[in-house]
Amino acid sequence: MIDAYDPAQAAMDCDFVQAAYDMFASDESDLTPDPSGHIPPGWSFVAWIKMSDFCLWMHTPRFYGFIARCDADSDAHIIALRGTKDWMEWYDDFSVFKVPFAQAPDAGRVSHGFDSIYTTLHVHRPPIGHEVAVRMGSRPSVILPGTFGEQVAQILRERPAKAGSKGPSLVVTGHSLGAALSTLFVMEHFRKPNPAVHRFCSIASPRVGDGRFVAVFNALKITSWRIFNKQDIVPQMPLAMLGFEHVNEPHEYDSHGKVRWSPVCWHAIDTYIALIRDRPVTGTCALTAEHRALLQQQ
């Protein structure tokens, strides 16, 4: 069933992305950061997701997200992927050329950069029977085999038994580059047997593929919410004139008069969460009295 847009649910999806950012910020060099105190209530950590940042010929692994499981329903899972710290770098280097998506080569063409970066996604989970080590600060991990989609499928198969189970269900959400890579994951996932994704919530996503890719994606039987801020530059990239298009379903917000005049603030996950929840933006992107006075003069 395709669900109507629900801002409250979308804001909760954003909270998981915020958790990924917070886990990364706790120690940017840690591929398996401690999830304690970050995962939203009612959910338990299952696995880390790492990815390699690209800089010329160097690939540097970084923590980029996680998989969590609902405490009340062992079938329900969520994948959350953060974006990069310096989003302009990956746009400048990787978002021009289009290639067939390696995991679905017949489904149109996508950004070469996104396709290349997607191949570096890997799932790390604690060894079976060692989940408690996550909470104790000693965090051994096992890298699962296969493509990212195959690794996620293995995690879903490992879920605890549940009476009357109809199979696993999966929510996928991501911000910025994480939203672009999440889009590719959803496409790969639906090429596997028994796809489990029922909701995809992308935040501030750039355009990922061409018209053929978008048509195939939009035909998937899932709830898909593409949330963007009118002022945000990232969703305007790569340019449509280069043959890139957006997937459905668009939900626009407008940060004008609500955050500082800054490309960073227009794009920040904090801004998106505040816009969706219709509350003031706080922190470094909050409007000062001076900014408000200037807006009143316009």
C-alpha atoms as a PDB file:
ATOM      1  CA  MET A   1       0.000   0.000   0.000  1.00  0.00           C
ATOM      2  CA  ILE A   2       1.280   3.477  -0.916  1.00  0.00           C
ATOM      3  CA  ASP A   3       1.001   5.733   2.138  1.00  0.00           C
ATOM      4  CA  ALA A   4       0.116   9.421   1.952  1.00  0.00           C
ATOM      5  CA  TYR A   5       2.832  11.824   3.055  1.00  0.00           C
ATOM      6  CA  ASP A   6       3.015  12.014   6.846  1.00  0.00           C
ATOM      7  CA  PRO A   7       5.243  14.833   8.186  1.00  0.00           C
ATOM      8  CA  ALA A   8       5.373  13.276  11.647  1.00  0.00           C
ATOM      9  CA  GLN A   9       6.640   9.991  10.231  1.00  0.00           C
ATOM     10  CA  ALA A  10       9.054  11.782   7.907  1.00  0.00           C
ATOM     11  CA  ALA A  11      10.467  13.693  10.875  1.00  0.00           C
ATOM     12  CA  MET A  12      11.002  10.420  12.724  1.00  0.00           C
ATOM     13  CA  ASP A  13      12.864   9.043   9.698  1.00  0.00           C
ATOM     14  CA  CYS A  14      15.059  12.155   9.810  1.00  0.00           C
ATOM     15  CA  ASP A  15      15.814  11.417  13.468  1.00  0.00           C
ATOM     16  CA  PHE A  16      17.512   8.175  12.407  1.00  0.00           C
ATOM     17  CA  VAL A  17      19.670  10.075   9.924  1.00  0.00           C
ATOM     18  CA  GLN A  18      20.537  12.547  12.675  1.00  0.00           C
ATOM     19  CA  ALA A  19      21.579   9.574  14.815  1.00  0.00           C
ATOM     20  CA  ALA A  20      23.983   8.487  12.061  1.00  0.00           C
ATOM     21  CA  TYR A  21      25.502  11.975  11.980  1.00  0.00           C
ATOM     22  CA  ASP A  22      25.827  12.005  15.771  1.00  0.00           C
ATOM     23  CA  MET A  23      27.490   8.579  15.841  1.00  0.00           C
ATOM     24  CA  PHE A  24      29.980   9.740  13.215  1.00  0.00           C
ATOM     25  CA  ALA A  25      30.696  12.979  15.076  1.00  0.00           C
ATOM     26  CA  SER A  26      31.524  11.064  18.255  1.00  0.00           C
ATOM     27  CA  ASP A  27      34.727   9.784  16.583  1.00  0.00           C
ATOM     28  CA  GLU A  28      35.148  10.386  12.870  1.00  0.00           C
ATOM     29  CA  SER A  29      37.882   7.745  12.597  1.00  0.00           C
ATOM     30  CA  ASP A  30      35.776   4.975  14.165  1.00  0.00           C
ATOM     31  CA  LEU A  31      34.177   2.583  11.646  1.00  0.00           C
ATOM     32  CA  THR A  32      32.060   1.022  14.407  1.00  0.00           C
ATOM     33  CA  PRO A  33      31.035   3.919  16.679  1.00  0.00           C
ATOM     34  CA  ASP A  34      29.116   3.234  19.866  1.00  0.00           C
ATOM     35  CA  PRO A  35      25.374   3.495  19.086  1.00  0.00           C
ATOM     36  CA  SER A  36      24.435   3.875  22.753  1.00  0.00           C
ATOM     37  CA  GLY A  37      22.291   6.937  23.346  1.00  0.00           C
ATOM     38  CA  HIS A  38      21.894   7.705  19.648  1.00  0.00           C
ATOM     39  CA  ILE A  39      19.351   5.228  18.260  1.00  0.00           C
ATOM     40  CA  PRO A  40      15.776   6.604  18.654  1.00  0.00           C
ATOM     41  CA  PRO A  41      13.697   5.029  21.447  1.00  0.00           C
ATOM     42  CA  GLY A  42      11.928   1.785  20.624  1.00  0.00           C
ATOM     43  CA  TRP A  43      14.650   0.619  18.246  1.00  0.00           C
ATOM     44  CA  SER A  44      17.812  -1.428  18.719  1.00  0.00           C
ATOM     45  CA  PHE A  45      21.076  -1.251  16.839  1.00  0.00           C
ATOM     46  CA  VAL A  46      21.805  -4.159  14.468  1.00  0.00           C
ATOM     47  CA  ALA A  47      24.762  -3.266  12.220  1.00  0.00           C
ATOM     48  CA  TRP A  48      27.071  -0.499  11.052  1.00  0.00           C
ATOM     49  CA  ILE A  49      27.376   0.666   7.449  1.00  0.00           C
ATOM     50  CA  LYS A  50      30.718   1.942   6.163  1.00  0.00           C
ATOM     51  CA  MET A  51      31.635   3.586   2.886  1.00  0.00           C
ATOM     52  CA  SER A  52      34.808   4.925   1.269  1.00  0.00           C
ATOM     53  CA  ASP A  53      35.237   8.630   0.656  1.00  0.00           C
ATOM     54  CA  PHE A  54      36.928   9.355  -2.668  1.00  0.00           C
ATOM     55  CA  CYS A  55      39.784  11.809  -3.083  1.00  0.00           C
ATOM     56  CA  LEU A  56      41.662  11.318  -6.340  1.00  0.00           C
ATOM     57  CA  TRP A  57      43.172   7.800  -6.058  1.00  0.00           C
ATOM     58  CA  MET A  58      42.698   7.483  -2.289  1.00  0.00           C
ATOM     59  CA  HIS A  59      39.728   5.662  -0.738  1.00  0.00           C
ATOM     60  CA  THR A  60      39.234   6.329   2.971  1.00  0.00           C
ATOM     61  CA  PRO A  61      36.693   4.121   4.810  1.00  0.00           C
ATOM     62  CA  ARG A  62      34.234   6.004   7.016  1.00  0.00           C
ATOM     63  CA  PHE A  63      31.165   5.147   9.059  1.00  0.00           C
ATOM     64  CA  TYR A  64      28.086   6.278   7.116  1.00  0.00           C
ATOM     65  CA  GLY A  65      25.048   4.719   8.733  1.00  0.00           C
ATOM     66  CA  PHE A  66      23.415   1.818  10.461  1.00  0.00           C
ATOM     67  CA  ILE A  67      20.634  -0.749  10.441  1.00  0.00           C
ATOM     68  CA  ALA A  68      18.225  -0.872  13.391  1.00  0.00           C
ATOM     69  CA  ARG A  69      15.375  -3.177  14.377  1.00  0.00           C
ATOM     70  CA  CYS A  70      12.082  -2.291  16.062  1.00  0.00           C
ATOM     71  CA  ASP A  71      11.871  -3.591  19.638  1.00  0.00           C
ATOM     72  CA  ALA A  72       8.134  -4.233  19.373  1.00  0.00           C
ATOM     73  CA  ASP A  73       8.267  -5.919  15.940  1.00  0.00           C
ATOM     74  CA  SER A  74      11.347  -7.973  15.024  1.00  0.00           C
ATOM     75  CA  ASP A  75      10.248  -7.910  11.369  1.00  0.00           C
ATOM     76  CA  ALA A  76      10.572  -4.105  11.133  1.00  0.00           C
ATOM     77  CA  HIS A  77      13.970  -2.623  10.210  1.00  0.00           C
ATOM     78  CA  ILE A  78      15.357   0.725   9.118  1.00  0.00           C
ATOM     79  CA  ILE A  79      18.478   1.748   7.194  1.00  0.00           C
ATOM     80  CA  ALA A  80      19.745   5.301   7.786  1.00  0.00           C
ATOM     81  CA  LEU A  81      22.599   6.886   5.822  1.00  0.00           C
ATOM     82  CA  ARG A  82      24.183  10.245   6.532  1.00  0.00           C
ATOM     83  CA  GLY A  83      25.726  12.565   3.959  1.00  0.00           C
ATOM     84  CA  THR A  84      29.272  13.841   3.616  1.00  0.00           C
ATOM     85  CA  LYS A  85      30.797  16.726   5.532  1.00  0.00           C
ATOM     86  CA  ASP A  86      31.959  18.416   2.325  1.00  0.00           C
ATOM     87  CA  TRP A  87      29.187  17.756  -0.183  1.00  0.00           C
ATOM     88  CA  MET A  88      30.587  20.086  -2.846  1.00  0.00           C
ATOM     89  CA  GLU A  89      33.636  17.839  -3.257  1.00  0.00           C
ATOM     90  CA  TRP A  90      31.722  14.753  -4.349  1.00  0.00           C
ATOM     91  CA  TYR A  91      29.450  16.804  -6.581  1.00  0.00           C
ATOM     92  CA  ASP A  92      32.327  18.467  -8.418  1.00  0.00           C
ATOM     93  CA  ASP A  93      34.226  15.208  -8.938  1.00  0.00           C
ATOM     94  CA  PHE A  94      31.564  12.613  -9.637  1.00  0.00           C
ATOM     95  CA  SER A  95      28.197  13.905 -10.757  1.00  0.00           C
ATOM     96  CA  VAL A  96      28.550  14.537 -14.511  1.00  0.00           C
ATOM     97  CA  PHE A  97      28.997  11.245 -16.387  1.00  0.00           C
ATOM     98  CA  LYS A  98      26.209   8.653 -16.577  1.00  0.00           C
ATOM     99  CA  VAL A  99      26.747   4.891 -16.600  1.00  0.00           C
ATOM    100  CA  PRO A 100      24.477   1.840 -16.258  1.00  0.00           C
ATOM    101  CA  PHE A 101      23.889   1.064 -12.579  1.00  0.00           C
ATOM    102  CA  ALA A 102      25.969  -2.053 -11.959  1.00  0.00           C
ATOM    103  CA  GLN A 103      23.261  -3.784  -9.891  1.00  0.00           C
ATOM    104  CA  ALA A 104      20.466  -3.046 -12.391  1.00  0.00           C
ATOM    105  CA  PRO A 105      22.160  -2.318 -15.733  1.00  0.00           C
ATOM    106  CA  ASP A 106      18.880  -2.424 -17.672  1.00  0.00           C
ATOM    107  CA  ALA A 107      17.273   0.268 -15.492  1.00  0.00           C
ATOM    108  CA  GLY A 108      18.708   3.320 -17.167  1.00  0.00           C
ATOM    109  CA  ARG A 109      21.865   5.234 -16.349  1.00  0.00           C
ATOM    110  CA  VAL A 110      23.073   6.921 -13.160  1.00  0.00           C
ATOM    111  CA  SER A 111      25.831   9.261 -12.055  1.00  0.00           C
ATOM    112  CA  HIS A 112      29.196   7.523 -12.431  1.00  0.00           C
ATOM    113  CA  GLY A 113      30.236   8.894  -9.059  1.00  0.00           C
ATOM    114  CA  PHE A 114      27.212   7.599  -7.198  1.00  0.00           C
ATOM    115  CA  ASP A 115      27.563   4.215  -8.893  1.00  0.00           C
ATOM    116  CA  SER A 116      31.246   4.018  -7.931  1.00  0.00           C
ATOM    117  CA  ILE A 117      30.710   5.114  -4.343  1.00  0.00           C
ATOM    118  CA  TYR A 118      27.800   2.698  -3.935  1.00  0.00           C
ATOM    119  CA  THR A 119      30.137  -0.245  -4.580  1.00  0.00           C
ATOM    120  CA  THR A 120      32.110   0.718  -1.448  1.00  0.00           C
ATOM    121  CA  LEU A 121      29.120   0.340   0.913  1.00  0.00           C
ATOM    122  CA  HIS A 122      29.554  -2.546   3.348  1.00  0.00           C
ATOM    123  CA  VAL A 123      27.610  -3.844   6.326  1.00  0.00           C
ATOM    124  CA  HIS A 124      29.496  -4.631   9.557  1.00  0.00           C
ATOM    125  CA  ARG A 125      27.618  -6.392  12.314  1.00  0.00           C
ATOM    126  CA  PRO A 126      28.721  -7.639  15.733  1.00  0.00           C
ATOM    127  CA  PRO A 127      29.569 -11.367  15.709  1.00  0.00           C
ATOM    128  CA  ILE A 128      26.538 -13.521  16.448  1.00  0.00           C
ATOM    129  CA  GLY A 129      26.191 -13.801  20.222  1.00  0.00           C
ATOM    130  CA  HIS A 130      28.372 -10.749  20.886  1.00  0.00           C
ATOM    131  CA  GLU A 131      25.774  -7.979  20.625  1.00  0.00           C
ATOM    132  CA  VAL A 132      26.362  -7.009  24.273  1.00  0.00           C
ATOM    133  CA  ALA A 133      29.924  -6.016  23.353  1.00  0.00           C
ATOM    134  CA  VAL A 134      28.481  -3.011  21.553  1.00  0.00           C
ATOM    135  CA  ARG A 135      27.224  -1.612  24.834  1.00  0.00           C
ATOM    136  CA  MET A 136      30.422  -2.412  26.719  1.00  0.00           C
ATOM    137  CA  GLY A 137      32.650  -0.421  24.396  1.00  0.00           C
ATOM    138  CA  SER A 138      34.491  -3.394  22.856  1.00  0.00           C
ATOM    139  CA  ARG A 139      33.114  -3.563  19.321  1.00  0.00           C
ATOM    140  CA  PRO A 140      34.367  -6.436  17.155  1.00  0.00           C
ATOM    141  CA  SER A 141      32.624  -6.603  13.802  1.00  0.00           C
ATOM    142  CA  VAL A 142      32.111  -8.998  10.912  1.00  0.00           C
ATOM    143  CA  ILE A 143      32.061  -7.705   7.314  1.00  0.00           C
ATOM    144  CA  LEU A 144      29.313  -9.521   5.434  1.00  0.00           C
ATOM    145  CA  PRO A 145      29.971 -10.928   1.924  1.00  0.00           C
ATOM    146  CA  GLY A 146      28.345  -9.884  -1.332  1.00  0.00           C
ATOM    147  CA  THR A 147      26.976  -6.598  -2.624  1.00  0.00           C
ATOM    148  CA  PHE A 148      25.440  -4.081  -0.249  1.00  0.00           C
ATOM    149  CA  GLY A 149      21.977  -5.312  -1.194  1.00  0.00           C
ATOM    150  CA  GLU A 150      22.977  -8.910  -0.495  1.00  0.00           C
ATOM    151  CA  GLN A 151      24.469  -7.940   2.853  1.00  0.00           C
ATOM    152  CA  VAL A 152      21.262  -6.189   3.905  1.00  0.00           C
ATOM    153  CA  ALA A 153      19.252  -9.232   2.828  1.00  0.00           C
ATOM    154  CA  GLN A 154      21.404 -11.396   5.107  1.00  0.00           C
ATOM    155  CA  ILE A 155      20.717  -9.079   8.054  1.00  0.00           C
ATOM    156  CA  LEU A 156      16.986  -9.353   7.412  1.00  0.00           C
ATOM    157  CA  ARG A 157      17.220 -13.143   7.330  1.00  0.00           C
ATOM    158  CA  GLU A 158      18.984 -13.138  10.704  1.00  0.00           C
ATOM    159  CA  ARG A 159      16.115 -11.390  12.476  1.00  0.00           C
ATOM    160  CA  PRO A 160      14.653 -13.112  15.582  1.00  0.00           C
ATOM    161  CA  ALA A 161      11.766 -15.502  14.985  1.00  0.00           C
ATOM    162  CA  LYS A 162       8.296 -13.994  15.299  1.00  0.00           C
ATOM    163  CA  ALA A 163       5.009 -15.860  15.505  1.00  0.00           C
ATOM    164  CA  GLY A 164       2.774 -15.068  12.544  1.00  0.00           C
ATOM    165  CA  SER A 165       5.539 -13.274  10.661  1.00  0.00           C
ATOM    166  CA  LYS A 166       4.710 -12.181   7.112  1.00  0.00           C
ATOM    167  CA  GLY A 167       8.372 -11.509   6.395  1.00  0.00           C
ATOM    168  CA  PRO A 168      10.701  -8.584   7.075  1.00  0.00           C
ATOM    169  CA  SER A 169       9.803  -4.973   6.358  1.00  0.00           C
ATOM    170  CA  LEU A 170      12.301  -2.214   5.726  1.00  0.00           C
ATOM    171  CA  VAL A 171      12.314   1.580   5.798  1.00  0.00           C
ATOM    172  CA  VAL A 172      15.190   3.296   3.983  1.00  0.00           C
ATOM    173  CA  THR A 173      16.169   6.886   4.645  1.00  0.00           C
ATOM    174  CA  GLY A 174      19.153   9.089   3.879  1.00  0.00           C
ATOM    175  CA  HIS A 175      20.296  12.695   3.618  1.00  0.00           C
ATOM    176  CA  SER A 176      22.300  14.294   0.800  1.00  0.00           C
ATOM    177  CA  LEU A 177      24.792  11.776  -0.605  1.00  0.00           C
ATOM    178  CA  GLY A 178      23.190   9.227   1.725  1.00  0.00           C
ATOM    179  CA  ALA A 179      19.863   9.880  -0.021  1.00  0.00           C
ATOM    180  CA  ALA A 180      21.420   9.289  -3.458  1.00  0.00           C
ATOM    181  CA  LEU A 181      23.010   6.023  -2.333  1.00  0.00           C
ATOM    182  CA  SER A 182      19.759   4.986  -0.653  1.00  0.00           C
ATOM    183  CA  THR A 183      18.007   5.458  -3.991  1.00  0.00           C
ATOM    184  CA  LEU A 184      20.461   3.055  -5.610  1.00  0.00           C
ATOM    185  CA  PHE A 185      19.995   0.565  -2.788  1.00  0.00           C
ATOM    186  CA  VAL A 186      16.220   0.555  -3.244  1.00  0.00           C
ATOM    187  CA  MET A 187      16.704  -0.152  -6.951  1.00  0.00           C
ATOM    188  CA  GLU A 188      19.102  -3.030  -6.234  1.00  0.00           C
ATOM    189  CA  HIS A 189      16.874  -4.358  -3.454  1.00  0.00           C
ATOM    190  CA  PHE A 190      13.913  -4.701  -5.806  1.00  0.00           C
ATOM    191  CA  ARG A 191      16.016  -6.882  -8.106  1.00  0.00           C
ATOM    192  CA  LYS A 192      16.297  -9.445  -5.277  1.00  0.00           C
ATOM    193  CA  PRO A 193      13.682 -12.073  -4.329  1.00  0.00           C
ATOM    194  CA  ASN A 194      11.019 -10.988  -1.833  1.00  0.00           C
ATOM    195  CA  PRO A 195      11.831  -7.257  -1.568  1.00  0.00           C
ATOM    196  CA  ALA A 196      11.064  -5.857   1.871  1.00  0.00           C
ATOM    197  CA  VAL A 197      11.227  -2.051   1.413  1.00  0.00           C
ATOM    198  CA  HIS A 198       7.842  -0.450   2.017  1.00  0.00           C
ATOM    199  CA  ARG A 199       8.891   3.181   2.597  1.00  0.00           C
ATOM    200  CA  PHE A 200      11.716   5.279   1.185  1.00  0.00           C
ATOM    201  CA  CYS A 201      12.296   8.735   2.659  1.00  0.00           C
ATOM    202  CA  SER A 202      15.042  10.762   0.976  1.00  0.00           C
ATOM    203  CA  ILE A 203      16.102  14.130   2.368  1.00  0.00           C
ATOM    204  CA  ALA A 204      17.925  16.744   0.259  1.00  0.00           C
ATOM    205  CA  SER A 205      18.748  14.201  -2.442  1.00  0.00           C
ATOM    206  CA  PRO A 206      20.593  15.190  -5.591  1.00  0.00           C
ATOM    207  CA  ARG A 207      19.345  13.834  -8.907  1.00  0.00           C
ATOM    208  CA  VAL A 208      20.620  10.277  -9.274  1.00  0.00           C
ATOM    209  CA  GLY A 209      19.808   8.975 -12.744  1.00  0.00           C
ATOM    210  CA  ASP A 210      18.305   9.577 -16.157  1.00  0.00           C
ATOM    211  CA  GLY A 211      14.684   9.388 -17.275  1.00  0.00           C
ATOM    212  CA  ARG A 212      14.739   5.613 -17.747  1.00  0.00           C
ATOM    213  CA  PHE A 213      16.133   5.074 -14.242  1.00  0.00           C
ATOM    214  CA  VAL A 214      13.507   7.379 -12.758  1.00  0.00           C
ATOM    215  CA  ALA A 215      10.656   5.689 -14.651  1.00  0.00           C
ATOM    216  CA  VAL A 216      11.718   2.252 -13.379  1.00  0.00           C
ATOM    217  CA  PHE A 217      12.148   3.553  -9.832  1.00  0.00           C
ATOM    218  CA  ASN A 218       8.784   5.333  -9.795  1.00  0.00           C
ATOM    219  CA  ALA A 219       7.058   2.119 -10.890  1.00  0.00           C
ATOM    220  CA  LEU A 220       8.221   0.306  -7.732  1.00  0.00           C
ATOM    221  CA  LYS A 221       5.371  -0.500  -5.375  1.00  0.00           C
ATOM    222  CA  ILE A 222       6.636   1.472  -2.391  1.00  0.00           C
ATOM    223  CA  THR A 223       5.869   4.654  -0.519  1.00  0.00           C
ATOM    224  CA  SER A 224       8.508   7.140  -1.691  1.00  0.00           C
ATOM    225  CA  TRP A 225       8.886  10.613  -0.162  1.00  0.00           C
ATOM    226  CA  ARG A 226      11.519  12.947  -1.614  1.00  0.00           C
ATOM    227  CA  ILE A 227      11.851  15.878   0.781  1.00  0.00           C
ATOM    228  CA  PHE A 228      13.684  19.008  -0.323  1.00  0.00           C
ATOM    229  CA  ASN A 229      14.135  22.621   0.714  1.00  0.00           C
ATOM    230  CA  LYS A 230      13.426  25.195  -1.991  1.00  0.00           C
ATOM    231  CA  GLN A 231      16.635  27.089  -1.144  1.00  0.00           C
ATOM    232  CA  ASP A 232      18.871  24.009  -0.962  1.00  0.00           C
ATOM    233  CA  ILE A 233      21.423  23.790  -3.772  1.00  0.00           C
ATOM    234  CA  VAL A 234      22.090  20.039  -3.571  1.00  0.00           C
ATOM    235  CA  PRO A 235      18.672  18.871  -4.898  1.00  0.00           C
ATOM    236  CA  GLN A 236      19.343  21.054  -7.954  1.00  0.00           C
ATOM    237  CA  MET A 237      22.377  18.913  -8.829  1.00  0.00           C
ATOM    238  CA  PRO A 238      23.372  17.383 -11.207  1.00  0.00           C
ATOM    239  CA  LEU A 239      21.709  19.778 -13.624  1.00  0.00           C
ATOM    240  CA  ALA A 240      18.587  18.637 -15.443  1.00  0.00           C
ATOM    241  CA  MET A 241      20.086  19.892 -18.714  1.00  0.00           C
ATOM    242  CA  LEU A 242      22.651  17.078 -18.366  1.00  0.00           C
ATOM    243  CA  GLY A 243      19.863  14.504 -18.546  1.00  0.00           C
ATOM    244  CA  PHE A 244      19.349  13.845 -14.830  1.00  0.00           C
ATOM    245  CA  GLU A 245      15.877  13.630 -13.255  1.00  0.00           C
ATOM    246  CA  HIS A 246      14.397  13.305  -9.771  1.00  0.00           C
ATOM    247  CA  VAL A 247      12.443  10.324  -8.475  1.00  0.00           C
ATOM    248  CA  ASN A 248       9.012  10.755  -6.907  1.00  0.00           C
ATOM    249  CA  GLU A 249       7.297  11.852  -4.710  1.00  0.00           C
ATOM    250  CA  PRO A 250       8.399  15.474  -4.173  1.00  0.00           C
ATOM    251  CA  HIS A 251       7.563  17.322  -0.949  1.00  0.00           C
ATOM    252  CA  GLU A 252       8.883  20.877  -0.893  1.00  0.00           C
ATOM    253  CA  TYR A 253       9.690  23.048   2.107  1.00  0.00           C
ATOM    254  CA  ASP A 254      10.830  26.674   2.134  1.00  0.00           C
ATOM    255  CA  SER A 255      13.486  27.870   4.585  1.00  0.00           C
ATOM    256  CA  HIS A 256      13.311  31.520   3.502  1.00  0.00           C
ATOM    257  CA  GLY A 257      13.028  33.682   6.589  1.00  0.00           C
ATOM    258  CA  LYS A 258      13.586  30.677   8.869  1.00  0.00           C
ATOM    259  CA  VAL A 259      17.350  30.057   8.715  1.00  0.00           C
ATOM    260  CA  ARG A 260      20.498  32.059   8.106  1.00  0.00           C
ATOM    261  CA  TRP A 261      21.294  32.878   4.483  1.00  0.00           C
ATOM    262  CA  SER A 262      23.830  30.111   3.918  1.00  0.00           C
ATOM    263  CA  PRO A 263      24.097  27.124   1.550  1.00  0.00           C
ATOM    264  CA  VAL A 264      25.272  25.050   4.514  1.00  0.00           C
ATOM    265  CA  CYS A 265      22.213  25.994   6.569  1.00  0.00           C
ATOM    266  CA  TRP A 266      19.813  25.424   3.659  1.00  0.00           C
ATOM    267  CA  HIS A 267      21.176  21.882   3.378  1.00  0.00           C
ATOM    268  CA  ALA A 268      21.711  20.897   7.026  1.00  0.00           C
ATOM    269  CA  ILE A 269      19.758  17.944   8.430  1.00  0.00           C
ATOM    270  CA  ASP A 270      18.893  20.119  11.451  1.00  0.00           C
ATOM    271  CA  THR A 271      17.181  22.583   9.112  1.00  0.00           C
ATOM    272  CA  TYR A 272      15.160  19.835   7.456  1.00  0.00           C
ATOM    273  CA  ILE A 273      14.028  18.405  10.782  1.00  0.00           C
ATOM    274  CA  ALA A 274      12.938  21.866  11.960  1.00  0.00           C
ATOM    275  CA  LEU A 275      11.071  22.578   8.705  1.00  0.00           C
ATOM    276  CA  ILE A 276       9.236  19.254   8.756  1.00  0.00           C
ATOM    277  CA  ARG A 277       8.291  19.670  12.417  1.00  0.00           C
ATOM    278  CA  ASP A 278       7.410  23.343  11.826  1.00  0.00           C
ATOM    279  CA  ARG A 279       9.593  24.584  14.658  1.00  0.00           C
ATOM    280  CA  PRO A 280      12.333  27.248  14.828  1.00  0.00           C
ATOM    281  CA  VAL A 281      15.811  26.345  13.651  1.00  0.00           C
ATOM    282  CA  THR A 282      18.316  26.483  16.498  1.00  0.00           C
ATOM    283  CA  GLY A 283      22.110  26.444  16.733  1.00  0.00           C
ATOM    284  CA  THR A 284      24.468  28.081  14.264  1.00  0.00           C
ATOM    285  CA  CYS A 285      21.795  28.292  11.546  1.00  0.00           C
ATOM    286  CA  ALA A 286      19.243  30.121  13.699  1.00  0.00           C
ATOM    287  CA  LEU A 287      18.194  33.582  12.570  1.00  0.00           C
ATOM    288  CA  THR A 288      19.720  36.377  14.632  1.00  0.00           C
ATOM    289  CA  ALA A 289      17.962  39.633  15.411  1.00  0.00           C
ATOM    290  CA  GLU A 290      20.101  41.274  12.726  1.00  0.00           C
ATOM    291  CA  HIS A 291      19.003  38.744  10.125  1.00  0.00           C
ATOM    292  CA  ARG A 292      15.369  39.225  11.042  1.00  0.00           C
ATOM    293  CA  ALA A 293      15.706  43.003  10.707  1.00  0.00           C
ATOM    294  CA  LEU A 294      17.200  42.624   7.245  1.00  0.00           C
ATOM    295  CA  LEU A 295      14.379  40.342   6.161  1.00  0.00           C
ATOM    296  CA  GLN A 296      11.795  42.876   7.325  1.00  0.00           C
ATOM    297  CA  GLN A 297      13.456  45.530   5.162  1.00  0.00           C
ATOM    298  CA  GLN A 298      13.184  43.378   2.021  1.00  0.00           C
END
